[in-house]
Protein backbone atom coordinates (compact mmCIF):
# COMPACT_ATOMS: atom_id res chain seq x y z
CA MET A 1 -77.66 134.23 -85.52
CA SER A 2 -77.98 137.32 -85.97
CA ILE A 3 -75.33 139.79 -85.18
CA ILE A 4 -77.40 142.47 -83.16
CA SER A 5 -78.32 139.88 -80.42
CA PHE A 6 -78.05 139.67 -76.81
CA GLY A 7 -77.66 135.90 -76.47
CA LYS A 8 -77.91 132.89 -78.83
CA PHE A 9 -81.63 130.88 -79.10
CA ASP A 10 -81.48 127.73 -77.54
CA ASN A 11 -84.36 125.82 -79.22
CA GLU A 12 -84.31 122.77 -76.75
CA LEU A 13 -84.49 125.15 -74.05
CA GLY A 14 -86.76 127.86 -75.79
CA TYR A 15 -85.26 131.04 -74.76
CA LYS A 16 -81.59 132.86 -75.16
CA THR A 17 -78.37 131.61 -73.64
CA LEU A 18 -75.14 133.10 -72.79
CA ASN A 19 -72.16 130.36 -72.30
CA GLU A 20 -71.63 130.78 -68.12
CA ARG A 21 -68.17 129.85 -68.22
CA THR A 22 -67.58 133.02 -70.93
CA MET A 23 -69.65 135.07 -68.61
CA ARG A 24 -67.54 134.35 -65.51
CA ALA A 25 -64.30 134.96 -67.53
CA SER A 26 -65.64 138.26 -68.44
CA ALA A 27 -66.54 139.28 -64.81
CA GLY A 28 -63.29 138.53 -63.76
CA LEU A 29 -60.96 140.49 -66.27
CA MET A 30 -63.48 143.57 -65.33
CA LEU A 31 -62.84 142.80 -62.00
CA LEU A 32 -59.23 142.88 -62.65
CA LEU A 33 -59.51 146.35 -64.10
CA GLY A 34 -61.20 147.18 -61.73
CA SER A 35 -59.25 146.26 -59.08
CA ILE A 36 -56.24 148.52 -60.86
CA ALA A 37 -58.50 151.46 -61.11
CA SER A 38 -58.77 151.18 -57.40
CA ILE A 39 -55.69 150.21 -56.41
CA ASN A 40 -54.28 153.43 -58.52
CA GLY A 41 -57.13 155.85 -57.04
CA PHE A 42 -56.60 154.30 -53.01
CA ILE A 43 -53.06 153.78 -52.88
CA PHE A 44 -50.81 155.47 -55.34
CA ASN A 45 -53.63 158.92 -55.47
CA ARG A 46 -52.89 158.16 -59.07
CA TYR A 47 -56.86 159.34 -60.72
CA GLU A 48 -56.04 159.51 -64.35
CA VAL A 49 -56.40 155.92 -64.52
CA ILE A 50 -59.59 155.70 -63.73
CA PRO A 51 -61.41 157.47 -66.56
CA TYR A 52 -59.54 155.41 -68.83
CA ILE A 53 -61.20 151.99 -67.43
CA SER A 54 -63.91 153.15 -66.59
CA GLY A 55 -64.85 154.61 -70.18
CA PHE A 56 -63.21 151.00 -71.44
CA LEU A 57 -65.67 149.26 -69.42
CA MET A 58 -68.56 151.32 -70.12
CA VAL A 59 -67.61 150.81 -73.60
CA ASN A 60 -67.37 147.36 -73.12
CA PHE A 61 -70.94 146.82 -71.80
CA MET A 62 -72.71 149.11 -74.37
CA ILE A 63 -70.86 146.83 -77.13
CA GLY A 64 -72.45 143.59 -75.13
CA ILE A 65 -76.02 145.27 -74.69
CA PHE A 66 -76.66 147.12 -78.27
CA ILE A 67 -74.65 144.76 -80.41
CA ASN A 68 -73.58 141.42 -79.07
CA PRO A 69 -71.96 140.12 -75.98
CA LYS A 70 -69.73 138.21 -78.05
CA PHE A 71 -68.19 141.07 -79.83
CA SER A 72 -67.56 142.94 -76.15
CA PRO A 73 -63.78 142.73 -75.41
CA THR A 74 -63.58 140.97 -71.94
CA VAL A 75 -66.26 138.64 -73.14
CA PHE A 76 -63.76 137.94 -76.47
CA VAL A 77 -60.99 137.34 -74.14
CA GLY A 78 -63.13 135.20 -71.39
CA TRP A 79 -64.08 133.12 -74.63
CA ILE A 80 -60.13 132.64 -75.34
CA PHE A 81 -59.59 131.32 -72.12
CA VAL A 82 -62.43 128.87 -71.39
CA ARG A 83 -63.51 128.09 -75.11
CA LYS A 84 -61.80 124.33 -74.84
CA GLN A 85 -64.37 123.96 -72.03
CA SER A 86 -68.17 122.61 -72.48
CA PRO A 87 -70.36 125.59 -72.56
CA LEU A 88 -72.99 126.07 -69.67
CA PRO A 89 -75.61 127.63 -71.03
CA ILE A 90 -77.67 130.42 -68.89
CA GLY A 91 -80.29 132.51 -69.61
CA ALA A 92 -79.54 135.87 -71.19
CA ILE A 93 -82.54 138.31 -70.49
CA GLN A 94 -81.41 138.47 -66.59
CA LYS A 95 -77.72 138.72 -67.76
CA LYS A 96 -78.59 141.53 -70.13
CA PHE A 97 -80.46 143.52 -67.17
CA ALA A 98 -77.39 142.78 -65.08
CA TRP A 99 -75.27 143.87 -67.99
CA SER A 100 -77.59 147.18 -67.99
CA LEU A 101 -76.71 148.07 -64.25
CA GLY A 102 -72.89 147.59 -64.87
CA LEU A 103 -73.46 150.15 -67.61
CA GLY A 104 -75.21 152.39 -65.65
CA LEU A 105 -72.44 152.17 -63.14
CA SER A 106 -69.80 152.54 -65.47
CA THR A 107 -71.02 155.67 -66.89
CA VAL A 108 -71.53 157.41 -64.28
CA ILE A 109 -68.16 156.30 -62.56
CA PHE A 110 -66.65 157.53 -66.05
CA ILE A 111 -68.16 160.81 -66.21
CA LEU A 112 -67.70 161.51 -62.38
CA SER A 113 -63.93 160.31 -62.64
CA LEU A 114 -63.47 162.76 -65.34
CA TYR A 115 -64.26 166.04 -62.91
CA LEU A 116 -62.14 164.00 -59.99
CA ILE A 117 -58.92 164.37 -62.42
CA ASN A 118 -58.89 168.28 -60.92
CA ASP A 119 -61.18 167.99 -58.07
CA VAL A 120 -60.21 165.55 -55.16
CA THR A 121 -63.92 166.04 -53.79
CA TYR A 122 -65.46 163.73 -56.23
CA PHE A 123 -63.37 161.11 -54.74
CA ASP A 124 -65.78 159.47 -52.17
CA PRO A 125 -68.42 158.92 -54.65
CA VAL A 126 -66.36 157.31 -57.25
CA CYS A 127 -64.92 155.31 -54.65
CA LEU A 128 -67.72 154.15 -53.33
CA LEU A 129 -69.30 153.43 -56.73
CA CYS A 130 -66.00 151.59 -58.15
CA ILE A 131 -66.47 149.28 -54.72
CA GLY A 132 -70.08 148.34 -55.62
CA CYS A 133 -68.68 147.22 -59.21
CA LEU A 134 -65.83 144.97 -57.43
CA PHE A 135 -68.46 143.74 -55.24
CA LEU A 136 -70.88 142.90 -57.81
CA LEU A 137 -67.92 141.51 -59.91
CA PHE A 138 -66.17 139.35 -57.26
CA PHE A 139 -69.46 137.48 -56.52
CA GLU A 140 -70.03 136.32 -59.87
CA SER A 141 -66.60 135.94 -61.05
CA VAL A 142 -65.56 134.04 -57.69
CA PHE A 143 -69.10 132.19 -56.58
CA GLY A 144 -70.66 132.42 -59.56
CA ILE A 145 -73.41 134.55 -58.14
CA CYS A 146 -75.06 137.29 -60.62
CA ILE A 147 -76.57 139.49 -58.37
CA GLY A 148 -78.01 141.93 -61.28
CA CYS A 149 -79.89 138.57 -62.21
CA LYS A 150 -81.16 137.95 -58.48
CA LEU A 151 -82.66 142.01 -58.78
CA TYR A 152 -84.21 140.90 -62.31
CA TYR A 153 -86.19 138.16 -60.53
CA LEU A 154 -86.59 140.51 -57.07
CA PHE A 155 -88.32 143.06 -59.61
CA ILE A 156 -90.30 140.08 -61.31
CA PHE A 157 -91.75 138.78 -57.91
CA LEU A 158 -92.38 142.46 -56.88
CA LYS A 159 -94.56 142.87 -60.07
CA ILE A 160 -92.00 145.50 -61.74
CA PHE A 161 -91.45 143.37 -64.54
CA LYS A 162 -93.60 141.08 -66.05
CA GLU A 163 -93.00 137.32 -65.56
CA PRO A 164 -91.44 135.71 -68.81
CA GLU A 165 -93.38 132.65 -70.09
CA ILE A 166 -90.60 130.57 -69.61
CA LYS A 167 -88.18 131.36 -67.23
CA PRO A 168 -84.37 130.81 -68.02
CA ASN A 169 -81.98 129.12 -65.74
CA CYS A 170 -79.42 131.49 -63.56
CA MET A 171 -75.80 130.47 -63.22
CA GLY A 172 -75.15 127.32 -61.46
CA ASP A 173 -78.88 126.70 -61.79
CA SER A 174 -79.64 128.62 -58.75
CA CYS A 175 -83.12 130.17 -60.22
CA GLU A 176 -86.23 128.18 -60.35
CA VAL A 177 -86.85 126.76 -64.04
CA ASP A 178 -90.03 125.85 -64.73
């Protein structure tokens, strides 16, 4: 397997895969970090923490998308927790789309949170984006529902994305697989 790759090609399935357990653990860790940032902002009005956590998550997504998810800090720590469990392969293409959404959201939150430190009027947009991220991470880590993956298949259905020749499976085999 190449170092720079999103997922590992599975010859038996015919597409790149990731370990569902590791990705859910990673989502849970990101949910924990996002919750810490939100609590600091909502309850303690300490906005200085938000750029650090959102910046970390932004770099985490960048490493996962542009280098390899296994080098992403949250995926690595998640792997440590689940390494003795049997792997559950899921399609990598829709997860890459979901992580791209995460990168976009975390980048916008990071940029706005830099302004938030000096100007509290930026709290509302940062707050809404944080709640959106926490919602997505909660659904993935707790229920195993990757909303970004569902959006990927919605875009295929709407003919915005080209339909792949082989449809990779989603978390919990919730997607249609040929």
